[in-house]
Amino acid sequence: MNHLVNTFKQEVLKLGYEEYVFPGLVSPENFDILADNIYDFTGNAFLVSRGSTKAVLKPTGEAIIYPVVASWLRNEECKLPLRIFQTGPYYRYKSAPHPYLRPMDSALMLEAHGFFKNRVAMNKEFARSVKLCESVASALCMDAYVVSRPISFNKPVSEETVAYDTLLPNGKTIQTLLAYKQGQVFSRPFNVKSKDSKDYTYQVTYGMTERTLYTTLFIHADPLGLRIPEKLAPIQIAVVARDNRAKTVEAAETLVASITAQNIRVAVYYEHEEEGVSRQLITAGTPLIAYVDSELAGKGILEVLDRRTLSIETVGVDADFTPLLLRGDAVLVEEQSQRRRNNTASIDSVDALKNIHPACAQIYVHSSHECIDTVQNISGGEYLGSQLTLSEESRPCLACEKMCNTFGFIGRRV
C-alpha cells in the first residue's frame, strides 16, 4: 500500500500539488449542504456525538476540504490556481459482496483537488489528470477500458468523469482510477470564491483508493499466489542462498549490496534456516528470486526465477536487474490486455446485444440518457462509458438506429 501511495504521490507532485492534512469530522451544517446539493450520505455515514456536540465522520473528502478552502480563499494571500491533495481514510458504510474490492466502512484514499479561476484552466488540468492516471495504471501493469462516463450518470457529482474500468478474472469490471471534471458543482453550494473574483471556482478532482491495490493484486494472481508489479513489491528481488558454505554466504551478501546499489528493494534468505522459503516467496509474488550456491558462486553466475513468467535463466552476478524487472511487468500487461481482447465482443445488432457471452461488448450508441437506458435494458448490463476519442466512421446507434460516431462498452460491474 505504501508503494502504491508513493507511486501516485510522485505523479501528483510533478503537477505541482501540495500535501495537506484535513480534519476527519464534518460539521452537521456542512454535511447538510452536501446532502441538500450533492448527495445524501445519511444512510451510509457515521454520526459522532458527545453531549450536545455532534459531527459526522467524513463520507467524502469534499465535505471537509471545500469549506476549508472557501475560508482560505477569503484571504488575499491565497491565490488561484490552488492544487492540494490529502491521503487518509473516508468513512462510508456499504454492504458489499466483496469486502476488499468494496470496503464496507473505511478505506484509504489519495485525493487531489485543483481549484481554478475559469473553465479553460480547468479543462487543461483535467487533461493532465487523465494522463496522470494513465501513468499510474501503467505502473500497475493495468490494461483497462478508459471511458468517459455518460453525463446522466455523473450528475450531480461532476460534469465529466473519466473512469479506468479493469476487467477482473470473473468477467466483471471495476472502477480503479477516476478523474472528475467537477466544474462548479461543489464550489457553488460551499461558496468557494477567490478574493479577487466574483465567480465560483472550477474544480478538478482525481485519485485512488485501497480498491486500486486490491484490484491490481486480483487481476495478476495465478493458482500459485500473487504476482506483484515491480513498483509495488515490498521486496523486488529475493536472494536465496541454497547452502551455508562460506563461499555461498559471501556471494549472497555481496549480491545484496550490489542490488541495493541499483536502488532495488532486496532481501536475503537462507534455505537451510527456513523450510519452504522458495514456496513462500512465490506465493507472496516476489518479482525476482535469485538463487546462489557454492557451485554457482564459483562460476560467478546466478539462477533467477521470474515469478511473473515462471521462467528461470542464468545471469552474471554483476547483472543489471532493472531490465529483468521491467520485462516481467510487460508480460503482466500483455496478459491483462489479452484477457480484455478475448472478452470484448464487437456488437452491431440488437439481437446480438441480447446474447452477450463475453464479459463486455463494444457498441455504437449515442451518449443520450434515452439511448443508453435502451441498450442497458436490452442487455441487462451497465454502460461503462464512451471511448475518449470519437470513431473515424459513423454507424447506426443500437438504440435509435440513427448514425453516430460515439462508441463505448457495456458490461457488468462489481
Foldseek 3Di string as FASTA:
>chain_A
DVLLVVLLVVLLVVVPAEEDDWDQWAAPVLLVLCVVQANNLPVWWDWDDDVPGITIGAQDDLSTVLLVLQVVQLDQVDDPFHKYKYWDKGFTADDDPDCQLPPGTIWIKIKIKTWHDDDVVLVVVLVSVVVSVVVSCLLLLFDFFWFKAQCVVCPPQANIKTFGWAQFPVLATATFWMKGFRQCSSQVSSVRDHNPDPDTITMIMIIGISSNVVRSQRRQADPLAGAGQQSPDQAQEEEEEADDDPLSVVLSVVLVVLVVVLVGHYYYYYCVVDPPPVSVCLNSNRQKYWYTYNVQSVVQKIWIQGSLVRDIDIDGSNDDCPVVSVVSSNVSSVVSVVLVVVQEAEDDELVCLQPRDGQKYKFDADSDPQLQVQSCVSNVWHFPHWHPDWAPDWFQHRRPGDTDRIMGMTGHHD
